[in-house]
Amino acid sequence: GHTQLGTIRNYLIVDPTWSHTLTPLSSIGIAGEYQGIRYSPSDLGHINFSYYQGRLFYAKTIDLGTDYSVGVYGSRYQTLTIDSHSNSAGLQLSGGYNWSQVLRSDMTVAWQHTQFDETSPRPQSSSSNPWSANFGTTYKQQVSSYRFTIGRTIYPSASGGLFATDQVRLQYDRAFTQRMHFTGAVRAFRDRTTVGGNGNDRRNYVTGTVRLE
């Protein structure tokens, strides 16, 4: 929630997915995720961390308009600047529906149990049951598309714990030619700590993006 003059943040995200087709309409898969942040130089306001998640899922297409997937996952959040960590396990359900050839909606809901433990700099232990849900709708025309997303996501944070991020996003895409593409987006979100060692950090933020490639 603050900046530090001269501090550089190095952020790495890796999220591979492997799936195997059982039938023409169903599949199983394994998904992994790693997130890591390192600050240089380090300071008390920014905590280096590593975050790992593994997920098993089953996906099925019901018909031309409807599909869903269900999965279980586990994750671990480990700080490197202080001695604290959290372990989580949860359930995730996703579904999508094609209202027409140009209009589609998707929704994902998840619930998890998280146990947080810290031994240094101050011994403490707590647990929580955070949830997340995201709903999005995309309207695609021949050369342009409109996208609306609203929801809550659980993210690792540099404050020593996990954040719940509530956000709204509006996005417009247009292809002027086969080689030239435009994207414009506005995103508003609020971060707050669900479980962690540095109290309940909050941040309200609005950002805009304009890109031509």
C-alpha atoms as a PDB file:
ATOM      1  CA  GLY A   1       0.000   0.000   0.000  1.00  0.00           C
ATOM      2  CA  HIS A   2       3.004   2.374  -0.181  1.00  0.00           C
ATOM      3  CA  THR A   3       6.087   3.013  -2.260  1.00  0.00           C
ATOM      4  CA  GLN A   4       9.718   3.183  -1.195  1.00  0.00           C
ATOM      5  CA  LEU A   5      12.157   5.396  -3.096  1.00  0.00           C
ATOM      6  CA  GLY A   6      14.837   3.328  -4.824  1.00  0.00           C
ATOM      7  CA  THR A   7      13.213  -0.070  -4.169  1.00  0.00           C
ATOM      8  CA  ILE A   8      12.932  -2.432  -7.144  1.00  0.00           C
ATOM      9  CA  ARG A   9      10.347  -5.240  -7.207  1.00  0.00           C
ATOM     10  CA  ASN A  10      11.112  -8.413  -9.159  1.00  0.00           C
ATOM     11  CA  TYR A  11       7.912 -10.408  -9.726  1.00  0.00           C
ATOM     12  CA  LEU A  12       7.718 -13.895 -11.284  1.00  0.00           C
ATOM     13  CA  ILE A  13       4.544 -15.877 -12.073  1.00  0.00           C
ATOM     14  CA  VAL A  14       4.577 -19.374 -13.604  1.00  0.00           C
ATOM     15  CA  ASP A  15       1.285 -21.261 -14.083  1.00  0.00           C
ATOM     16  CA  PRO A  16       1.532 -24.425 -16.231  1.00  0.00           C
ATOM     17  CA  THR A  17      -1.505 -26.621 -16.981  1.00  0.00           C
ATOM     18  CA  TRP A  18      -1.658 -30.190 -18.273  1.00  0.00           C
ATOM     19  CA  SER A  19      -4.897 -31.870 -19.361  1.00  0.00           C
ATOM     20  CA  HIS A  20      -5.861 -35.276 -20.730  1.00  0.00           C
ATOM     21  CA  THR A  21      -8.953 -35.917 -22.842  1.00  0.00           C
ATOM     22  CA  LEU A  22     -11.128 -38.727 -21.501  1.00  0.00           C
ATOM     23  CA  THR A  23     -13.890 -38.411 -24.110  1.00  0.00           C
ATOM     24  CA  PRO A  24     -14.603 -35.810 -26.822  1.00  0.00           C
ATOM     25  CA  LEU A  25     -16.557 -33.853 -24.185  1.00  0.00           C
ATOM     26  CA  SER A  26     -14.611 -34.421 -20.947  1.00  0.00           C
ATOM     27  CA  SER A  27     -11.081 -34.160 -19.592  1.00  0.00           C
ATOM     28  CA  ILE A  28      -9.016 -34.245 -16.409  1.00  0.00           C
ATOM     29  CA  GLY A  29      -6.034 -32.090 -15.613  1.00  0.00           C
ATOM     30  CA  ILE A  30      -3.375 -30.792 -13.260  1.00  0.00           C
ATOM     31  CA  ALA A  31      -2.592 -27.099 -12.842  1.00  0.00           C
ATOM     32  CA  GLY A  32       0.260 -25.548 -10.914  1.00  0.00           C
ATOM     33  CA  GLU A  33       1.172 -22.008  -9.968  1.00  0.00           C
ATOM     34  CA  TYR A  34       4.228 -20.294  -8.551  1.00  0.00           C
ATOM     35  CA  GLN A  35       4.449 -16.633  -7.552  1.00  0.00           C
ATOM     36  CA  GLY A  36       7.574 -15.017  -6.173  1.00  0.00           C
ATOM     37  CA  ILE A  37       8.443 -11.448  -5.210  1.00  0.00           C
ATOM     38  CA  ARG A  38      11.896 -10.149  -4.310  1.00  0.00           C
ATOM     39  CA  TYR A  39      12.582  -6.539  -3.305  1.00  0.00           C
ATOM     40  CA  SER A  40      15.961  -4.897  -3.756  1.00  0.00           C
ATOM     41  CA  PRO A  41      16.951  -3.432  -1.409  1.00  0.00           C
ATOM     42  CA  SER A  42      14.646  -5.070   1.146  1.00  0.00           C
ATOM     43  CA  ASP A  43      12.843  -2.983   3.783  1.00  0.00           C
ATOM     44  CA  LEU A  44      10.382  -3.609   6.588  1.00  0.00           C
ATOM     45  CA  GLY A  45       7.430  -2.452   4.513  1.00  0.00           C
ATOM     46  CA  HIS A  46       7.896  -5.044   1.757  1.00  0.00           C
ATOM     47  CA  ILE A  47       8.175  -8.769   2.503  1.00  0.00           C
ATOM     48  CA  ASN A  48       9.737 -11.204   0.023  1.00  0.00           C
ATOM     49  CA  PHE A  49       7.640 -14.331  -0.477  1.00  0.00           C
ATOM     50  CA  SER A  50       7.118 -17.532  -2.457  1.00  0.00           C
ATOM     51  CA  TYR A  51       3.658 -18.923  -3.189  1.00  0.00           C
ATOM     52  CA  TYR A  52       2.893 -22.414  -4.490  1.00  0.00           C
ATOM     53  CA  GLN A  53      -0.435 -23.905  -5.576  1.00  0.00           C
ATOM     54  CA  GLY A  54      -1.445 -27.236  -7.088  1.00  0.00           C
ATOM     55  CA  ARG A  55      -4.917 -28.068  -8.461  1.00  0.00           C
ATOM     56  CA  LEU A  56      -6.630 -31.209  -9.776  1.00  0.00           C
ATOM     57  CA  PHE A  57      -9.704 -30.671 -11.955  1.00  0.00           C
ATOM     58  CA  TYR A  58     -12.330 -32.387 -14.086  1.00  0.00           C
ATOM     59  CA  ALA A  59     -13.909 -30.523 -17.027  1.00  0.00           C
ATOM     60  CA  LYS A  60     -16.932 -31.432 -19.120  1.00  0.00           C
ATOM     61  CA  THR A  61     -18.845 -29.896 -22.018  1.00  0.00           C
ATOM     62  CA  ILE A  62     -22.566 -30.528 -21.602  1.00  0.00           C
ATOM     63  CA  ASP A  63     -23.675 -29.151 -24.972  1.00  0.00           C
ATOM     64  CA  LEU A  64     -22.730 -26.468 -27.488  1.00  0.00           C
ATOM     65  CA  GLY A  65     -23.624 -23.735 -24.996  1.00  0.00           C
ATOM     66  CA  THR A  66     -22.655 -25.052 -21.555  1.00  0.00           C
ATOM     67  CA  ASP A  67     -19.461 -26.337 -19.937  1.00  0.00           C
ATOM     68  CA  TYR A  68     -18.152 -26.660 -16.394  1.00  0.00           C
ATOM     69  CA  SER A  69     -15.189 -27.828 -14.329  1.00  0.00           C
ATOM     70  CA  VAL A  70     -14.714 -28.806 -10.691  1.00  0.00           C
ATOM     71  CA  GLY A  71     -11.424 -29.060  -8.856  1.00  0.00           C
ATOM     72  CA  VAL A  72      -9.623 -29.268  -5.526  1.00  0.00           C
ATOM     73  CA  TYR A  73      -6.461 -27.371  -4.697  1.00  0.00           C
ATOM     74  CA  GLY A  74      -3.847 -26.788  -2.041  1.00  0.00           C
ATOM     75  CA  SER A  75      -1.413 -23.910  -1.602  1.00  0.00           C
ATOM     76  CA  ARG A  76       1.440 -22.696   0.577  1.00  0.00           C
ATOM     77  CA  TYR A  77       2.537 -19.118   1.207  1.00  0.00           C
ATOM     78  CA  GLN A  78       6.062 -18.697   2.624  1.00  0.00           C
ATOM     79  CA  THR A  79       7.660 -15.387   3.556  1.00  0.00           C
ATOM     80  CA  LEU A  80      11.409 -14.976   3.256  1.00  0.00           C
ATOM     81  CA  THR A  81      11.976 -11.731   5.174  1.00  0.00           C
ATOM     82  CA  ILE A  82      10.194 -12.852   8.363  1.00  0.00           C
ATOM     83  CA  ASP A  83       9.388 -16.337   9.707  1.00  0.00           C
ATOM     84  CA  SER A  84       5.732 -16.880   8.754  1.00  0.00           C
ATOM     85  CA  HIS A  85       3.757 -19.117   6.448  1.00  0.00           C
ATOM     86  CA  SER A  86       0.220 -20.258   5.633  1.00  0.00           C
ATOM     87  CA  ASN A  87      -1.245 -23.490   4.261  1.00  0.00           C
ATOM     88  CA  SER A  88      -4.574 -23.603   2.412  1.00  0.00           C
ATOM     89  CA  ALA A  89      -6.886 -26.226   0.913  1.00  0.00           C
ATOM     90  CA  GLY A  90     -10.038 -25.574  -1.048  1.00  0.00           C
ATOM     91  CA  LEU A  91     -12.633 -26.402  -3.683  1.00  0.00           C
ATOM     92  CA  GLN A  92     -13.232 -24.583  -6.987  1.00  0.00           C
ATOM     93  CA  LEU A  93     -16.189 -24.709  -9.388  1.00  0.00           C
ATOM     94  CA  SER A  94     -16.299 -23.009 -12.800  1.00  0.00           C
ATOM     95  CA  GLY A  95     -18.904 -22.825 -15.513  1.00  0.00           C
ATOM     96  CA  GLY A  96     -19.549 -21.093 -18.816  1.00  0.00           C
ATOM     97  CA  TYR A  97     -22.599 -20.492 -20.990  1.00  0.00           C
ATOM     98  CA  ASN A  98     -22.897 -19.262 -24.580  1.00  0.00           C
ATOM     99  CA  TRP A  99     -26.017 -17.110 -24.769  1.00  0.00           C
ATOM    100  CA  SER A 100     -25.481 -16.770 -28.522  1.00  0.00           C
ATOM    101  CA  GLN A 101     -22.651 -17.005 -31.040  1.00  0.00           C
ATOM    102  CA  VAL A 102     -21.386 -13.582 -29.925  1.00  0.00           C
ATOM    103  CA  LEU A 103     -22.246 -13.470 -26.195  1.00  0.00           C
ATOM    104  CA  ARG A 104     -20.675 -15.679 -23.483  1.00  0.00           C
ATOM    105  CA  SER A 105     -20.637 -15.587 -19.664  1.00  0.00           C
ATOM    106  CA  ASP A 106     -18.258 -17.369 -17.271  1.00  0.00           C
ATOM    107  CA  MET A 107     -18.336 -17.747 -13.505  1.00  0.00           C
ATOM    108  CA  THR A 108     -15.873 -19.222 -11.008  1.00  0.00           C
ATOM    109  CA  VAL A 109     -16.439 -19.720  -7.275  1.00  0.00           C
ATOM    110  CA  ALA A 110     -13.975 -21.094  -4.716  1.00  0.00           C
ATOM    111  CA  TRP A 111     -13.762 -21.652  -0.969  1.00  0.00           C
ATOM    112  CA  GLN A 112     -10.679 -22.470   1.071  1.00  0.00           C
ATOM    113  CA  HIS A 113      -9.508 -22.981   4.636  1.00  0.00           C
ATOM    114  CA  THR A 114      -6.267 -21.209   5.521  1.00  0.00           C
ATOM    115  CA  GLN A 115      -4.047 -21.724   8.558  1.00  0.00           C
ATOM    116  CA  PHE A 116      -1.509 -18.957   9.251  1.00  0.00           C
ATOM    117  CA  ASP A 117       1.457 -19.330  11.631  1.00  0.00           C
ATOM    118  CA  GLU A 118       4.230 -16.890  12.521  1.00  0.00           C
ATOM    119  CA  THR A 119       7.123 -17.440  14.914  1.00  0.00           C
ATOM    120  CA  SER A 120       9.165 -14.294  14.257  1.00  0.00           C
ATOM    121  CA  PRO A 121       9.105 -11.349  14.794  1.00  0.00           C
ATOM    122  CA  ARG A 122       6.019 -12.066  16.944  1.00  0.00           C
ATOM    123  CA  PRO A 123       4.528 -15.505  17.621  1.00  0.00           C
ATOM    124  CA  GLN A 124       0.927 -15.734  16.437  1.00  0.00           C
ATOM    125  CA  SER A 125      -1.461 -18.176  14.827  1.00  0.00           C
ATOM    126  CA  SER A 126      -4.832 -17.695  13.139  1.00  0.00           C
ATOM    127  CA  SER A 127      -7.147 -19.302  10.609  1.00  0.00           C
ATOM    128  CA  SER A 128      -9.744 -18.072   8.139  1.00  0.00           C
ATOM    129  CA  ASN A 129     -12.119 -19.379   5.470  1.00  0.00           C
ATOM    130  CA  PRO A 130     -11.833 -16.935   2.567  1.00  0.00           C
ATOM    131  CA  TRP A 131     -13.962 -17.294  -0.548  1.00  0.00           C
ATOM    132  CA  SER A 132     -13.653 -15.980  -4.073  1.00  0.00           C
ATOM    133  CA  ALA A 133     -16.074 -15.536  -6.951  1.00  0.00           C
ATOM    134  CA  ASN A 134     -15.648 -14.017 -10.400  1.00  0.00           C
ATOM    135  CA  PHE A 135     -18.242 -13.350 -13.093  1.00  0.00           C
ATOM    136  CA  GLY A 136     -17.434 -12.184 -16.594  1.00  0.00           C
ATOM    137  CA  THR A 137     -19.319 -11.563 -19.840  1.00  0.00           C
ATOM    138  CA  THR A 138     -17.800 -11.097 -23.290  1.00  0.00           C
ATOM    139  CA  TYR A 139     -19.595  -9.748 -26.350  1.00  0.00           C
ATOM    140  CA  LYS A 140     -17.673 -10.406 -29.576  1.00  0.00           C
ATOM    141  CA  GLN A 141     -18.399  -8.774 -32.895  1.00  0.00           C
ATOM    142  CA  GLN A 142     -16.543  -9.330 -36.146  1.00  0.00           C
ATOM    143  CA  VAL A 143     -13.694  -6.886 -35.432  1.00  0.00           C
ATOM    144  CA  SER A 144     -14.326  -5.781 -31.829  1.00  0.00           C
ATOM    145  CA  SER A 145     -15.263  -7.177 -28.425  1.00  0.00           C
ATOM    146  CA  TYR A 146     -16.498  -5.876 -25.064  1.00  0.00           C
ATOM    147  CA  ARG A 147     -15.652  -7.535 -21.756  1.00  0.00           C
ATOM    148  CA  PHE A 148     -17.014  -6.977 -18.246  1.00  0.00           C
ATOM    149  CA  THR A 149     -15.623  -8.698 -15.137  1.00  0.00           C
ATOM    150  CA  ILE A 150     -16.541  -8.391 -11.478  1.00  0.00           C
ATOM    151  CA  GLY A 151     -15.495 -10.493  -8.523  1.00  0.00           C
ATOM    152  CA  ARG A 152     -13.148 -11.374  -5.690  1.00  0.00           C
ATOM    153  CA  THR A 153      -9.815 -13.197  -5.895  1.00  0.00           C
ATOM    154  CA  ILE A 154      -7.471 -14.483  -3.167  1.00  0.00           C
ATOM    155  CA  TYR A 155      -3.879 -13.381  -3.811  1.00  0.00           C
ATOM    156  CA  PRO A 156      -0.560 -13.645  -1.965  1.00  0.00           C
ATOM    157  CA  SER A 157       0.728 -10.259  -0.797  1.00  0.00           C
ATOM    158  CA  ALA A 158       3.966  -8.589   0.250  1.00  0.00           C
ATOM    159  CA  SER A 159       2.494  -7.699   3.655  1.00  0.00           C
ATOM    160  CA  GLY A 160       3.038 -11.163   5.136  1.00  0.00           C
ATOM    161  CA  GLY A 161      -0.289 -12.811   4.311  1.00  0.00           C
ATOM    162  CA  LEU A 162      -3.092 -13.301   1.782  1.00  0.00           C
ATOM    163  CA  PHE A 163      -5.146 -10.532   0.175  1.00  0.00           C
ATOM    164  CA  ALA A 164      -8.783 -10.611  -0.910  1.00  0.00           C
ATOM    165  CA  THR A 165      -9.004  -8.440  -4.028  1.00  0.00           C
ATOM    166  CA  ASP A 166     -12.445  -7.120  -5.044  1.00  0.00           C
ATOM    167  CA  GLN A 167     -12.410  -5.709  -8.551  1.00  0.00           C
ATOM    168  CA  VAL A 168     -14.428  -4.457 -11.506  1.00  0.00           C
ATOM    169  CA  ARG A 169     -12.966  -4.358 -15.014  1.00  0.00           C
ATOM    170  CA  LEU A 170     -14.283  -2.985 -18.321  1.00  0.00           C
ATOM    171  CA  GLN A 171     -12.356  -3.741 -21.514  1.00  0.00           C
ATOM    172  CA  TYR A 172     -12.768  -2.906 -25.194  1.00  0.00           C
ATOM    173  CA  ASP A 173     -10.785  -4.562 -28.010  1.00  0.00           C
ATOM    174  CA  ARG A 174     -10.783  -3.748 -31.705  1.00  0.00           C
ATOM    175  CA  ALA A 175      -8.823  -5.060 -34.685  1.00  0.00           C
ATOM    176  CA  PHE A 176      -8.249  -2.249 -37.167  1.00  0.00           C
ATOM    177  CA  THR A 177      -6.346  -4.510 -39.559  1.00  0.00           C
ATOM    178  CA  GLN A 178      -4.953  -8.046 -39.452  1.00  0.00           C
ATOM    179  CA  ARG A 179      -1.803  -6.600 -37.857  1.00  0.00           C
ATOM    180  CA  MET A 180      -3.049  -3.669 -35.785  1.00  0.00           C
ATOM    181  CA  HIS A 181      -5.000  -4.223 -32.549  1.00  0.00           C
ATOM    182  CA  PHE A 182      -6.293  -1.772 -29.939  1.00  0.00           C
ATOM    183  CA  THR A 183      -7.141  -2.447 -26.270  1.00  0.00           C
ATOM    184  CA  GLY A 184      -8.649  -0.017 -23.778  1.00  0.00           C
ATOM    185  CA  ALA A 185      -9.504  -1.012 -20.195  1.00  0.00           C
ATOM    186  CA  VAL A 186     -10.445   0.486 -16.839  1.00  0.00           C
ATOM    187  CA  ARG A 187     -10.000  -1.476 -13.601  1.00  0.00           C
ATOM    188  CA  ALA A 188     -10.987  -0.549 -10.052  1.00  0.00           C
ATOM    189  CA  PHE A 189     -10.075  -2.799  -7.130  1.00  0.00           C
ATOM    190  CA  ARG A 190      -9.786  -2.967  -3.356  1.00  0.00           C
ATOM    191  CA  ASP A 191      -7.232  -5.075  -1.479  1.00  0.00           C
ATOM    192  CA  ARG A 192      -7.638  -6.161   2.124  1.00  0.00           C
ATOM    193  CA  THR A 193      -5.852  -8.750   4.263  1.00  0.00           C
ATOM    194  CA  THR A 194      -7.747 -11.988   4.934  1.00  0.00           C
ATOM    195  CA  VAL A 195      -5.051 -13.554   7.112  1.00  0.00           C
ATOM    196  CA  GLY A 196      -1.528 -12.362   7.802  1.00  0.00           C
ATOM    197  CA  GLY A 197       1.040 -11.023  10.186  1.00  0.00           C
ATOM    198  CA  ASN A 198       0.978  -7.274   9.587  1.00  0.00           C
ATOM    199  CA  GLY A 199      -2.619  -6.425  10.420  1.00  0.00           C
ATOM    200  CA  ASN A 200      -5.410  -5.553   8.032  1.00  0.00           C
ATOM    201  CA  ASP A 201      -3.801  -3.639   5.174  1.00  0.00           C
ATOM    202  CA  ARG A 202      -6.214  -1.946   2.768  1.00  0.00           C
ATOM    203  CA  ARG A 203      -5.765  -0.313  -0.611  1.00  0.00           C
ATOM    204  CA  ASN A 204      -8.237   1.227  -3.060  1.00  0.00           C
ATOM    205  CA  TYR A 205      -6.924   1.631  -6.577  1.00  0.00           C
ATOM    206  CA  VAL A 206      -8.065   2.605 -10.078  1.00  0.00           C
ATOM    207  CA  THR A 207      -5.998   2.054 -13.192  1.00  0.00           C
ATOM    208  CA  GLY A 208      -6.492   2.576 -16.917  1.00  0.00           C
ATOM    209  CA  THR A 209      -4.819   0.861 -19.855  1.00  0.00           C
ATOM    210  CA  VAL A 210      -4.565   1.969 -23.490  1.00  0.00           C
ATOM    211  CA  ARG A 211      -2.542  -0.252 -25.828  1.00  0.00           C
ATOM    212  CA  LEU A 212      -1.954  -0.320 -29.564  1.00  0.00           C
ATOM    213  CA  GLU A 213       0.035  -3.181 -31.050  1.00  0.00           C
END
